[in-house]
Amino acid sequence: MAQEQNEGNWWIWKVFWILLVITGLEVFLGILKVNEVLPEILIHDKFLGLEWLTHIFIILTLIKAAYIVNIFMHLGFEKKSLQWTILLPAFILVPYLLFILFSEASHAYFML
């Protein structure tokens, strides 16, 4: 019985390690930013009003969110069409809302 239970829980550990690696990468990049060790292009160059490093953090967070939804909310066991129906709006809406937020903020900043 214990052998069968261990064989059935391998995917939990796989998810744990993947999320741990992505989170560790985010923390590592944050530490390097604080210590000012990262290349200048990631910290000072901007794209759509944000530093490149911020874009990297947003992308890694979206990857973690999609992975959590796929595994822990059991979306990964559904048909591909249902997966894309739920995940695609999030991947389109989040960058769109960030674009609106930062474009309006920059407009308000420059109008002062």
PDB file of N, CA and C in Angstrom:
ATOM      1  N   MET A   1       0.819  -1.191   0.000  1.00  0.00           N
ATOM      2  CA  MET A   1       0.000   0.000   0.000  1.00  0.00           C
ATOM      3  C   MET A   1       0.868   1.262   0.000  1.00  0.00           C
ATOM      4  N   ALA A   2       1.891   1.298   0.853  1.00  0.00           N
ATOM      5  CA  ALA A   2       2.760   2.479   0.926  1.00  0.00           C
ATOM      6  C   ALA A   2       3.528   2.678  -0.378  1.00  0.00           C
ATOM      7  N   GLN A   3       3.922   1.564  -1.009  1.00  0.00           N
ATOM      8  CA  GLN A   3       4.634   1.635  -2.293  1.00  0.00           C
ATOM      9  C   GLN A   3       3.752   2.284  -3.355  1.00  0.00           C
ATOM     10  N   GLU A   4       2.475   1.888  -3.408  1.00  0.00           N
ATOM     11  CA  GLU A   4       1.556   2.452  -4.391  1.00  0.00           C
ATOM     12  C   GLU A   4       1.305   3.930  -4.119  1.00  0.00           C
ATOM     13  N   GLN A   5       1.231   4.301  -2.861  1.00  0.00           N
ATOM     14  CA  GLN A   5       0.983   5.705  -2.514  1.00  0.00           C
ATOM     15  C   GLN A   5       2.176   6.576  -2.907  1.00  0.00           C
ATOM     16  N   ASN A   6       3.396   6.095  -2.728  1.00  0.00           N
ATOM     17  CA  ASN A   6       4.584   6.853  -3.116  1.00  0.00           C
ATOM     18  C   ASN A   6       4.671   7.015  -4.619  1.00  0.00           C
ATOM     19  N   GLU A   7       4.257   6.002  -5.366  1.00  0.00           N
ATOM     20  CA  GLU A   7       4.297   6.091  -6.819  1.00  0.00           C
ATOM     21  C   GLU A   7       3.266   7.085  -7.343  1.00  0.00           C
ATOM     22  N   GLY A   8       2.182   7.281  -6.613  1.00  0.00           N
ATOM     23  CA  GLY A   8       1.140   8.199  -7.042  1.00  0.00           C
ATOM     24  C   GLY A   8       1.420   9.654  -6.699  1.00  0.00           C
ATOM     25  N   ASN A   9       2.384   9.919  -5.841  1.00  0.00           N
ATOM     26  CA  ASN A   9       2.670  11.287  -5.407  1.00  0.00           C
ATOM     27  C   ASN A   9       3.890  11.899  -6.086  1.00  0.00           C
ATOM     28  N   TRP A  10       4.429  11.262  -7.086  1.00  0.00           N
ATOM     29  CA  TRP A  10       5.636  11.779  -7.728  1.00  0.00           C
ATOM     30  C   TRP A  10       5.389  13.132  -8.375  1.00  0.00           C
ATOM     31  N   TRP A  11       4.191  13.352  -8.908  1.00  0.00           N
ATOM     32  CA  TRP A  11       3.908  14.596  -9.610  1.00  0.00           C
ATOM     33  C   TRP A  11       3.863  15.781  -8.654  1.00  0.00           C
ATOM     34  N   ILE A  12       3.485  15.541  -7.393  1.00  0.00           N
ATOM     35  CA  ILE A  12       3.486  16.634  -6.419  1.00  0.00           C
ATOM     36  C   ILE A  12       4.912  17.131  -6.205  1.00  0.00           C
ATOM     37  N   TRP A  13       5.852  16.205  -6.114  1.00  0.00           N
ATOM     38  CA  TRP A  13       7.241  16.601  -5.916  1.00  0.00           C
ATOM     39  C   TRP A  13       7.814  17.259  -7.168  1.00  0.00           C
ATOM     40  N   LYS A  14       7.386  16.794  -8.327  1.00  0.00           N
ATOM     41  CA  LYS A  14       7.827  17.420  -9.571  1.00  0.00           C
ATOM     42  C   LYS A  14       7.362  18.877  -9.616  1.00  0.00           C
ATOM     43  N   VAL A  15       6.103  19.113  -9.298  1.00  0.00           N
ATOM     44  CA  VAL A  15       5.555  20.475  -9.267  1.00  0.00           C
ATOM     45  C   VAL A  15       6.276  21.308  -8.217  1.00  0.00           C
ATOM     46  N   PHE A  16       6.511  20.717  -7.064  1.00  0.00           N
ATOM     47  CA  PHE A  16       7.219  21.427  -5.998  1.00  0.00           C
ATOM     48  C   PHE A  16       8.588  21.905  -6.468  1.00  0.00           C
ATOM     49  N   TRP A  17       9.346  21.035  -7.108  1.00  0.00           N
ATOM     50  CA  TRP A  17      10.699  21.411  -7.540  1.00  0.00           C
ATOM     51  C   TRP A  17      10.668  22.444  -8.658  1.00  0.00           C
ATOM     52  N   ILE A  18       9.722  22.325  -9.573  1.00  0.00           N
ATOM     53  CA  ILE A  18       9.625  23.311 -10.654  1.00  0.00           C
ATOM     54  C   ILE A  18       9.285  24.680 -10.084  1.00  0.00           C
ATOM     55  N   LEU A  19       8.289  24.735  -9.198  1.00  0.00           N
ATOM     56  CA  LEU A  19       7.920  26.022  -8.595  1.00  0.00           C
ATOM     57  C   LEU A  19       9.032  26.567  -7.710  1.00  0.00           C
ATOM     58  N   LEU A  20       9.752  25.681  -7.037  1.00  0.00           N
ATOM     59  CA  LEU A  20      10.869  26.116  -6.207  1.00  0.00           C
ATOM     60  C   LEU A  20      11.982  26.722  -7.051  1.00  0.00           C
ATOM     61  N   VAL A  21      12.278  26.113  -8.184  1.00  0.00           N
ATOM     62  CA  VAL A  21      13.328  26.643  -9.061  1.00  0.00           C
ATOM     63  C   VAL A  21      12.930  28.011  -9.615  1.00  0.00           C
ATOM     64  N   ILE A  22      11.682  28.155 -10.052  1.00  0.00           N
ATOM     65  CA  ILE A  22      11.243  29.445 -10.591  1.00  0.00           C
ATOM     66  C   ILE A  22      11.249  30.515  -9.503  1.00  0.00           C
ATOM     67  N   THR A  23      10.770  30.176  -8.314  1.00  0.00           N
ATOM     68  CA  THR A  23      10.779  31.125  -7.197  1.00  0.00           C
ATOM     69  C   THR A  23      12.207  31.461  -6.792  1.00  0.00           C
ATOM     70  N   GLY A  24      13.069  30.459  -6.759  1.00  0.00           N
ATOM     71  CA  GLY A  24      14.479  30.703  -6.439  1.00  0.00           C
ATOM     72  C   GLY A  24      15.133  31.633  -7.443  1.00  0.00           C
ATOM     73  N   LEU A  25      14.791  31.469  -8.725  1.00  0.00           N
ATOM     74  CA  LEU A  25      15.317  32.360  -9.759  1.00  0.00           C
ATOM     75  C   LEU A  25      14.840  33.788  -9.542  1.00  0.00           C
ATOM     76  N   GLU A  26      13.570  33.942  -9.183  1.00  0.00           N
ATOM     77  CA  GLU A  26      13.052  35.288  -8.902  1.00  0.00           C
ATOM     78  C   GLU A  26      13.761  35.922  -7.706  1.00  0.00           C
ATOM     79  N   VAL A  27      13.935  35.155  -6.649  1.00  0.00           N
ATOM     80  CA  VAL A  27      14.623  35.677  -5.460  1.00  0.00           C
ATOM     81  C   VAL A  27      16.074  36.005  -5.785  1.00  0.00           C
ATOM     82  N   PHE A  28      16.731  35.136  -6.542  1.00  0.00           N
ATOM     83  CA  PHE A  28      18.126  35.364  -6.922  1.00  0.00           C
ATOM     84  C   PHE A  28      18.272  36.645  -7.745  1.00  0.00           C
ATOM     85  N   LEU A  29      17.364  36.847  -8.705  1.00  0.00           N
ATOM     86  CA  LEU A  29      17.402  38.077  -9.500  1.00  0.00           C
ATOM     87  C   LEU A  29      17.142  39.309  -8.634  1.00  0.00           C
ATOM     88  N   GLY A  30      16.227  39.171  -7.660  1.00  0.00           N
ATOM     89  CA  GLY A  30      15.964  40.281  -6.742  1.00  0.00           C
ATOM     90  C   GLY A  30      17.176  40.623  -5.893  1.00  0.00           C
ATOM     91  N   ILE A  31      17.881  39.608  -5.423  1.00  0.00           N
ATOM     92  CA  ILE A  31      19.090  39.841  -4.625  1.00  0.00           C
ATOM     93  C   ILE A  31      20.170  40.500  -5.478  1.00  0.00           C
ATOM     94  N   LEU A  32      20.315  40.030  -6.707  1.00  0.00           N
ATOM     95  CA  LEU A  32      21.313  40.634  -7.590  1.00  0.00           C
ATOM     96  C   LEU A  32      20.963  42.084  -7.917  1.00  0.00           C
ATOM     97  N   LYS A  33      19.675  42.391  -8.012  1.00  0.00           N
ATOM     98  CA  LYS A  33      19.279  43.772  -8.279  1.00  0.00           C
ATOM     99  C   LYS A  33      19.612  44.671  -7.093  1.00  0.00           C
ATOM    100  N   VAL A  34      19.342  44.186  -5.897  1.00  0.00           N
ATOM    101  CA  VAL A  34      19.637  44.976  -4.702  1.00  0.00           C
ATOM    102  C   VAL A  34      21.139  45.210  -4.573  1.00  0.00           C
ATOM    103  N   ASN A  35      21.933  44.208  -4.888  1.00  0.00           N
ATOM    104  CA  ASN A  35      23.389  44.333  -4.795  1.00  0.00           C
ATOM    105  C   ASN A  35      24.005  45.004  -6.013  1.00  0.00           C
ATOM    106  N   GLU A  36      23.172  45.387  -6.977  1.00  0.00           N
ATOM    107  CA  GLU A  36      23.605  46.078  -8.190  1.00  0.00           C
ATOM    108  C   GLU A  36      24.663  45.290  -8.963  1.00  0.00           C
ATOM    109  N   VAL A  37      24.423  44.007  -9.142  1.00  0.00           N
ATOM    110  CA  VAL A  37      25.342  43.137  -9.858  1.00  0.00           C
ATOM    111  C   VAL A  37      24.833  42.857 -11.284  1.00  0.00           C
ATOM    112  N   LEU A  38      23.547  43.084 -11.517  1.00  0.00           N
ATOM    113  CA  LEU A  38      22.955  42.776 -12.825  1.00  0.00           C
ATOM    114  C   LEU A  38      23.471  43.730 -13.897  1.00  0.00           C
ATOM    115  N   PRO A  39      23.421  43.311 -15.165  1.00  0.00           N
ATOM    116  CA  PRO A  39      23.835  44.197 -16.253  1.00  0.00           C
ATOM    117  C   PRO A  39      22.953  45.444 -16.322  1.00  0.00           C
ATOM    118  N   GLU A  40      23.522  46.512 -16.828  1.00  0.00           N
ATOM    119  CA  GLU A  40      22.815  47.786 -16.910  1.00  0.00           C
ATOM    120  C   GLU A  40      21.552  47.694 -17.759  1.00  0.00           C
ATOM    121  N   ILE A  41      21.565  46.859 -18.774  1.00  0.00           N
ATOM    122  CA  ILE A  41      20.409  46.778 -19.678  1.00  0.00           C
ATOM    123  C   ILE A  41      19.164  46.281 -18.953  1.00  0.00           C
ATOM    124  N   LEU A  42      19.331  45.404 -17.971  1.00  0.00           N
ATOM    125  CA  LEU A  42      18.181  44.876 -17.249  1.00  0.00           C
ATOM    126  C   LEU A  42      17.613  45.872 -16.249  1.00  0.00           C
ATOM    127  N   ILE A  43      18.437  46.773 -15.760  1.00  0.00           N
ATOM    128  CA  ILE A  43      18.004  47.664 -14.688  1.00  0.00           C
ATOM    129  C   ILE A  43      17.620  49.052 -15.201  1.00  0.00           C
ATOM    130  N   HIS A  44      18.363  49.591 -16.142  1.00  0.00           N
ATOM    131  CA  HIS A  44      18.149  50.983 -16.535  1.00  0.00           C
ATOM    132  C   HIS A  44      17.409  51.143 -17.858  1.00  0.00           C
ATOM    133  N   ASP A  45      17.505  50.191 -18.764  1.00  0.00           N
ATOM    134  CA  ASP A  45      16.766  50.301 -20.024  1.00  0.00           C
ATOM    135  C   ASP A  45      15.313  49.935 -19.786  1.00  0.00           C
ATOM    136  N   LYS A  46      14.430  50.664 -20.451  1.00  0.00           N
ATOM    137  CA  LYS A  46      13.002  50.448 -20.223  1.00  0.00           C
ATOM    138  C   LYS A  46      12.313  50.029 -21.506  1.00  0.00           C
ATOM    139  N   PHE A  47      11.256  49.249 -21.331  1.00  0.00           N
ATOM    140  CA  PHE A  47      10.404  48.819 -22.428  1.00  0.00           C
ATOM    141  C   PHE A  47       8.966  48.936 -21.946  1.00  0.00           C
ATOM    142  N   LEU A  48       8.152  49.693 -22.647  1.00  0.00           N
ATOM    143  CA  LEU A  48       6.772  49.971 -22.251  1.00  0.00           C
ATOM    144  C   LEU A  48       6.689  50.567 -20.851  1.00  0.00           C
ATOM    145  N   GLY A  49       7.649  51.396 -20.503  1.00  0.00           N
ATOM    146  CA  GLY A  49       7.614  52.094 -19.227  1.00  0.00           C
ATOM    147  C   GLY A  49       8.164  51.330 -18.047  1.00  0.00           C
ATOM    148  N   LEU A  50       8.612  50.096 -18.255  1.00  0.00           N
ATOM    149  CA  LEU A  50       9.139  49.282 -17.160  1.00  0.00           C
ATOM    150  C   LEU A  50      10.547  48.823 -17.475  1.00  0.00           C
ATOM    151  N   GLU A  51      11.306  48.588 -16.420  1.00  0.00           N
ATOM    152  CA  GLU A  51      12.634  48.007 -16.600  1.00  0.00           C
ATOM    153  C   GLU A  51      12.478  46.578 -17.140  1.00  0.00           C
ATOM    154  N   TRP A  52      13.487  46.127 -17.842  1.00  0.00           N
ATOM    155  CA  TRP A  52      13.447  44.761 -18.388  1.00  0.00           C
ATOM    156  C   TRP A  52      13.323  43.721 -17.285  1.00  0.00           C
ATOM    157  N   LEU A  53      13.940  43.973 -16.152  1.00  0.00           N
ATOM    158  CA  LEU A  53      13.885  43.016 -15.043  1.00  0.00           C
ATOM    159  C   LEU A  53      12.451  42.851 -14.540  1.00  0.00           C
ATOM    160  N   THR A  54      11.694  43.930 -14.535  1.00  0.00           N
ATOM    161  CA  THR A  54      10.295  43.840 -14.116  1.00  0.00           C
ATOM    162  C   THR A  54       9.503  42.977 -15.079  1.00  0.00           C
ATOM    163  N   HIS A  55       9.787  43.087 -16.363  1.00  0.00           N
ATOM    164  CA  HIS A  55       9.130  42.221 -17.345  1.00  0.00           C
ATOM    165  C   HIS A  55       9.476  40.756 -17.098  1.00  0.00           C
ATOM    166  N   ILE A  56      10.713  40.487 -16.742  1.00  0.00           N
ATOM    167  CA  ILE A  56      11.126  39.112 -16.442  1.00  0.00           C
ATOM    168  C   ILE A  56      10.349  38.580 -15.239  1.00  0.00           C
ATOM    169  N   PHE A  57      10.194  39.409 -14.198  1.00  0.00           N
ATOM    170  CA  PHE A  57       9.435  38.995 -13.016  1.00  0.00           C
ATOM    171  C   PHE A  57       7.975  38.712 -13.369  1.00  0.00           C
ATOM    172  N   ILE A  58       7.382  39.543 -14.203  1.00  0.00           N
ATOM    173  CA  ILE A  58       5.982  39.347 -14.595  1.00  0.00           C
ATOM    174  C   ILE A  58       5.830  38.045 -15.372  1.00  0.00           C
ATOM    175  N   ILE A  59       6.747  37.775 -16.290  1.00  0.00           N
ATOM    176  CA  ILE A  59       6.678  36.548 -17.089  1.00  0.00           C
ATOM    177  C   ILE A  59       6.850  35.308 -16.205  1.00  0.00           C
ATOM    178  N   LEU A  60       7.817  35.344 -15.295  1.00  0.00           N
ATOM    179  CA  LEU A  60       8.014  34.199 -14.399  1.00  0.00           C
ATOM    180  C   LEU A  60       6.798  33.980 -13.498  1.00  0.00           C
ATOM    181  N   THR A  61       6.181  35.056 -13.041  1.00  0.00           N
ATOM    182  CA  THR A  61       4.999  34.927 -12.204  1.00  0.00           C
ATOM    183  C   THR A  61       3.827  34.354 -12.988  1.00  0.00           C
ATOM    184  N   LEU A  62       3.671  34.767 -14.246  1.00  0.00           N
ATOM    185  CA  LEU A  62       2.607  34.200 -15.080  1.00  0.00           C
ATOM    186  C   LEU A  62       2.840  32.707 -15.335  1.00  0.00           C
ATOM    187  N   ILE A  63       4.094  32.322 -15.516  1.00  0.00           N
ATOM    188  CA  ILE A  63       4.407  30.901 -15.709  1.00  0.00           C
ATOM    189  C   ILE A  63       4.048  30.108 -14.450  1.00  0.00           C
ATOM    190  N   LYS A  64       4.404  30.635 -13.292  1.00  0.00           N
ATOM    191  CA  LYS A  64       4.057  29.946 -12.049  1.00  0.00           C
ATOM    192  C   LYS A  64       2.551  29.860 -11.868  1.00  0.00           C
ATOM    193  N   ALA A  65       1.837  30.937 -12.174  1.00  0.00           N
ATOM    194  CA  ALA A  65       0.382  30.937 -12.018  1.00  0.00           C
ATOM    195  C   ALA A  65      -0.257  29.911 -12.951  1.00  0.00           C
ATOM    196  N   ALA A  66       0.200  29.857 -14.192  1.00  0.00           N
ATOM    197  CA  ALA A  66      -0.356  28.884 -15.138  1.00  0.00           C
ATOM    198  C   ALA A  66      -0.066  27.461 -14.681  1.00  0.00           C
ATOM    199  N   TYR A  67       1.113  27.228 -14.160  1.00  0.00           N
ATOM    200  CA  TYR A  67       1.467  25.887 -13.701  1.00  0.00           C
ATOM    201  C   TYR A  67       0.618  25.480 -12.503  1.00  0.00           C
ATOM    202  N   ILE A  68       0.398  26.414 -11.587  1.00  0.00           N
ATOM    203  CA  ILE A  68      -0.430  26.122 -10.411  1.00  0.00           C
ATOM    204  C   ILE A  68      -1.864  25.833 -10.829  1.00  0.00           C
ATOM    205  N   VAL A  69      -2.393  26.638 -11.753  1.00  0.00           N
ATOM    206  CA  VAL A  69      -3.761  26.413 -12.225  1.00  0.00           C
ATOM    207  C   VAL A  69      -3.854  25.066 -12.932  1.00  0.00           C
ATOM    208  N   ASN A  70      -2.871  24.737 -13.746  1.00  0.00           N
ATOM    209  CA  ASN A  70      -2.908  23.462 -14.474  1.00  0.00           C
ATOM    210  C   ASN A  70      -2.851  22.264 -13.554  1.00  0.00           C
ATOM    211  N   ILE A  71      -2.042  22.323 -12.529  1.00  0.00           N
ATOM    212  CA  ILE A  71      -1.837  21.148 -11.683  1.00  0.00           C
ATOM    213  C   ILE A  71      -2.800  21.121 -10.501  1.00  0.00           C
ATOM    214  N   PHE A  72      -2.764  22.157  -9.675  1.00  0.00           N
ATOM    215  CA  PHE A  72      -3.520  22.101  -8.426  1.00  0.00           C
ATOM    216  C   PHE A  72      -5.006  22.378  -8.602  1.00  0.00           C
ATOM    217  N   MET A  73      -5.374  23.054  -9.670  1.00  0.00           N
ATOM    218  CA  MET A  73      -6.801  23.247  -9.937  1.00  0.00           C
ATOM    219  C   MET A  73      -7.292  22.249 -10.983  1.00  0.00           C
ATOM    220  N   HIS A  74      -6.472  21.277 -11.294  1.00  0.00           N
ATOM    221  CA  HIS A  74      -6.804  20.154 -12.167  1.00  0.00           C
ATOM    222  C   HIS A  74      -7.181  20.573 -13.583  1.00  0.00           C
ATOM    223  N   LEU A  75      -6.744  21.731 -14.014  1.00  0.00           N
ATOM    224  CA  LEU A  75      -7.030  22.162 -15.371  1.00  0.00           C
ATOM    225  C   LEU A  75      -6.180  21.393 -16.376  1.00  0.00           C
ATOM    226  N   GLY A  76      -5.029  20.911 -15.956  1.00  0.00           N
ATOM    227  CA  GLY A  76      -4.142  20.184 -16.847  1.00  0.00           C
ATOM    228  C   GLY A  76      -4.712  18.851 -17.321  1.00  0.00           C
ATOM    229  N   PHE A  77      -5.737  18.370 -16.630  1.00  0.00           N
ATOM    230  CA  PHE A  77      -6.333  17.095 -17.001  1.00  0.00           C
ATOM    231  C   PHE A  77      -7.536  17.266 -17.923  1.00  0.00           C
ATOM    232  N   GLU A  78      -7.836  18.511 -18.272  1.00  0.00           N
ATOM    233  CA  GLU A  78      -8.956  18.805 -19.163  1.00  0.00           C
ATOM    234  C   GLU A  78      -8.489  18.818 -20.614  1.00  0.00           C
ATOM    235  N   LYS A  79      -9.431  19.010 -21.528  1.00  0.00           N
ATOM    236  CA  LYS A  79      -9.085  19.101 -22.942  1.00  0.00           C
ATOM    237  C   LYS A  79      -8.299  20.390 -23.189  1.00  0.00           C
ATOM    238  N   LYS A  80      -7.468  20.369 -24.220  1.00  0.00           N
ATOM    239  CA  LYS A  80      -6.624  21.527 -24.535  1.00  0.00           C
ATOM    240  C   LYS A  80      -7.470  22.767 -24.823  1.00  0.00           C
ATOM    241  N   SER A  81      -8.607  22.597 -25.462  1.00  0.00           N
ATOM    242  CA  SER A  81      -9.432  23.757 -25.783  1.00  0.00           C
ATOM    243  C   SER A  81      -9.930  24.452 -24.518  1.00  0.00           C
ATOM    244  N   LEU A  82     -10.295  23.686 -23.494  1.00  0.00           N
ATOM    245  CA  LEU A  82     -10.733  24.281 -22.235  1.00  0.00           C
ATOM    246  C   LEU A  82      -9.561  24.948 -21.520  1.00  0.00           C
ATOM    247  N   GLN A  83      -8.389  24.340 -21.591  1.00  0.00           N
ATOM    248  CA  GLN A  83      -7.211  24.951 -20.969  1.00  0.00           C
ATOM    249  C   GLN A  83      -6.936  26.317 -21.580  1.00  0.00           C
ATOM    250  N   TRP A  84      -6.934  26.387 -22.907  1.00  0.00           N
ATOM    251  CA  TRP A  84      -6.650  27.659 -23.572  1.00  0.00           C
ATOM    252  C   TRP A  84      -7.762  28.674 -23.351  1.00  0.00           C
ATOM    253  N   THR A  85      -8.990  28.196 -23.212  1.00  0.00           N
ATOM    254  CA  THR A  85     -10.111  29.099 -22.955  1.00  0.00           C
ATOM    255  C   THR A  85      -9.940  29.811 -21.622  1.00  0.00           C
ATOM    256  N   ILE A  86      -9.361  29.142 -20.657  1.00  0.00           N
ATOM    257  CA  ILE A  86      -9.179  29.741 -19.334  1.00  0.00           C
ATOM    258  C   ILE A  86      -7.856  30.495 -19.239  1.00  0.00           C
ATOM    259  N   LEU A  87      -6.778  29.949 -19.797  1.00  0.00           N
ATOM    260  CA  LEU A  87      -5.458  30.559 -19.631  1.00  0.00           C
ATOM    261  C   LEU A  87      -5.188  31.716 -20.595  1.00  0.00           C
ATOM    262  N   LEU A  88      -5.664  31.631 -21.822  1.00  0.00           N
ATOM    263  CA  LEU A  88      -5.359  32.655 -22.811  1.00  0.00           C
ATOM    264  C   LEU A  88      -5.865  34.042 -22.419  1.00  0.00           C
ATOM    265  N   PRO A  89      -7.095  34.179 -21.919  1.00  0.00           N
ATOM    266  CA  PRO A  89      -7.503  35.522 -21.490  1.00  0.00           C
ATOM    267  C   PRO A  89      -6.615  36.100 -20.396  1.00  0.00           C
ATOM    268  N   ALA A  90      -6.131  35.262 -19.506  1.00  0.00           N
ATOM    269  CA  ALA A  90      -5.243  35.761 -18.454  1.00  0.00           C
ATOM    270  C   ALA A  90      -3.931  36.260 -19.045  1.00  0.00           C
ATOM    271  N   PHE A  91      -3.388  35.523 -20.011  1.00  0.00           N
ATOM    272  CA  PHE A  91      -2.130  35.934 -20.627  1.00  0.00           C
ATOM    273  C   PHE A  91      -2.292  37.154 -21.520  1.00  0.00           C
ATOM    274  N   ILE A  92      -3.505  37.419 -21.966  1.00  0.00           N
ATOM    275  CA  ILE A  92      -3.752  38.626 -22.756  1.00  0.00           C
ATOM    276  C   ILE A  92      -4.159  39.776 -21.842  1.00  0.00           C
ATOM    277  N   LEU A  93      -4.999  39.503 -20.862  1.00  0.00           N
ATOM    278  CA  LEU A  93      -5.545  40.553 -20.012  1.00  0.00           C
ATOM    279  C   LEU A  93      -4.502  41.165 -19.087  1.00  0.00           C
ATOM    280  N   VAL A  94      -3.648  40.366 -18.496  1.00  0.00           N
ATOM    281  CA  VAL A  94      -2.664  40.901 -17.549  1.00  0.00           C
ATOM    282  C   VAL A  94      -1.702  41.879 -18.229  1.00  0.00           C
ATOM    283  N   PRO A  95      -1.068  41.538 -19.352  1.00  0.00           N
ATOM    284  CA  PRO A  95      -0.218  42.536 -20.000  1.00  0.00           C
ATOM    285  C   PRO A  95      -0.997  43.770 -20.477  1.00  0.00           C
ATOM    286  N   TYR A  96      -2.229  43.565 -20.933  1.00  0.00           N
ATOM    287  CA  TYR A  96      -3.047  44.697 -21.379  1.00  0.00           C
ATOM    288  C   TYR A  96      -3.350  45.636 -20.219  1.00  0.00           C
ATOM    289  N   LEU A  97      -3.737  45.084 -19.072  1.00  0.00           N
ATOM    290  CA  LEU A  97      -4.012  45.919 -17.908  1.00  0.00           C
ATOM    291  C   LEU A  97      -2.754  46.622 -17.413  1.00  0.00           C
ATOM    292  N   LEU A  98      -1.616  45.942 -17.473  1.00  0.00           N
ATOM    293  CA  LEU A  98      -0.358  46.595 -17.098  1.00  0.00           C
ATOM    294  C   LEU A  98      -0.024  47.727 -18.060  1.00  0.00           C
ATOM    295  N   PHE A  99      -0.270  47.521 -19.347  1.00  0.00           N
ATOM    296  CA  PHE A  99      -0.038  48.576 -20.324  1.00  0.00           C
ATOM    297  C   PHE A  99      -0.908  49.791 -20.029  1.00  0.00           C
ATOM    298  N   ILE A 100      -2.203  49.564 -19.752  1.00  0.00           N
ATOM    299  CA  ILE A 100      -3.092  50.677 -19.426  1.00  0.00           C
ATOM    300  C   ILE A 100      -2.623  51.383 -18.164  1.00  0.00           C
ATOM    301  N   LEU A 101      -2.286  50.609 -17.144  1.00  0.00           N
ATOM    302  CA  LEU A 101      -1.847  51.180 -15.873  1.00  0.00           C
ATOM    303  C   LEU A 101      -0.633  52.081 -16.053  1.00  0.00           C
ATOM    304  N   PHE A 102       0.375  51.598 -16.746  1.00  0.00           N
ATOM    305  CA  PHE A 102       1.603  52.367 -16.863  1.00  0.00           C
ATOM    306  C   PHE A 102       1.504  53.498 -17.879  1.00  0.00           C
ATOM    307  N   SER A 103       0.705  53.321 -18.924  1.00  0.00           N
ATOM    308  CA  SER A 103       0.556  54.424 -19.877  1.00  0.00           C
ATOM    309  C   SER A 103      -0.226  55.571 -19.242  1.00  0.00           C
ATOM    310  N   GLU A 104      -1.259  55.251 -18.457  1.00  0.00           N
ATOM    311  CA  GLU A 104      -2.008  56.310 -17.772  1.00  0.00           C
ATOM    312  C   GLU A 104      -1.172  56.953 -16.674  1.00  0.00           C
ATOM    313  N   ALA A 105      -0.384  56.153 -15.974  1.00  0.00           N
ATOM    314  CA  ALA A 105       0.463  56.700 -14.928  1.00  0.00           C
ATOM    315  C   ALA A 105       1.520  57.611 -15.501  1.00  0.00           C
ATOM    316  N   SER A 106       2.104  57.224 -16.626  1.00  0.00           N
ATOM    317  CA  SER A 106       3.126  58.086 -17.226  1.00  0.00           C
ATOM    318  C   SER A 106       2.493  59.356 -17.777  1.00  0.00           C
ATOM    319  N   HIS A 107       1.281  59.269 -18.298  1.00  0.00           N
ATOM    320  CA  HIS A 107       0.594  60.456 -18.785  1.00  0.00           C
ATOM    321  C   HIS A 107       0.306  61.414 -17.609  1.00  0.00           C
ATOM    322  N   ALA A 108      -0.181  60.868 -16.506  1.00  0.00           N
ATOM    323  CA  ALA A 108      -0.454  61.705 -15.336  1.00  0.00           C
ATOM    324  C   ALA A 108       0.842  62.301 -14.789  1.00  0.00           C
ATOM    325  N   TYR A 109       1.928  61.550 -14.815  1.00  0.00           N
ATOM    326  CA  TYR A 109       3.216  62.036 -14.298  1.00  0.00           C
ATOM    327  C   TYR A 109       3.735  63.195 -15.143  1.00  0.00           C
ATOM    328  N   PHE A 110       3.644  63.059 -16.466  1.00  0.00           N
ATOM    329  CA  PHE A 110       4.179  64.098 -17.338  1.00  0.00           C
ATOM    330  C   PHE A 110       3.270  65.323 -17.421  1.00  0.00           C
ATOM    331  N   MET A 111       2.025  65.193 -17.036  1.00  0.00           N
ATOM    332  CA  MET A 111       1.102  66.323 -17.074  1.00  0.00           C
ATOM    333  C   MET A 111       1.271  67.238 -15.870  1.00  0.00           C
ATOM    334  N   LEU A 112       1.933  66.774 -14.834  1.00  0.00           N
ATOM    335  CA  LEU A 112       2.129  67.608 -13.631  1.00  0.00           C
ATOM    336  C   LEU A 112       3.124  68.663 -13.872  1.00  0.00           C
TER     337      LEU A 112
END
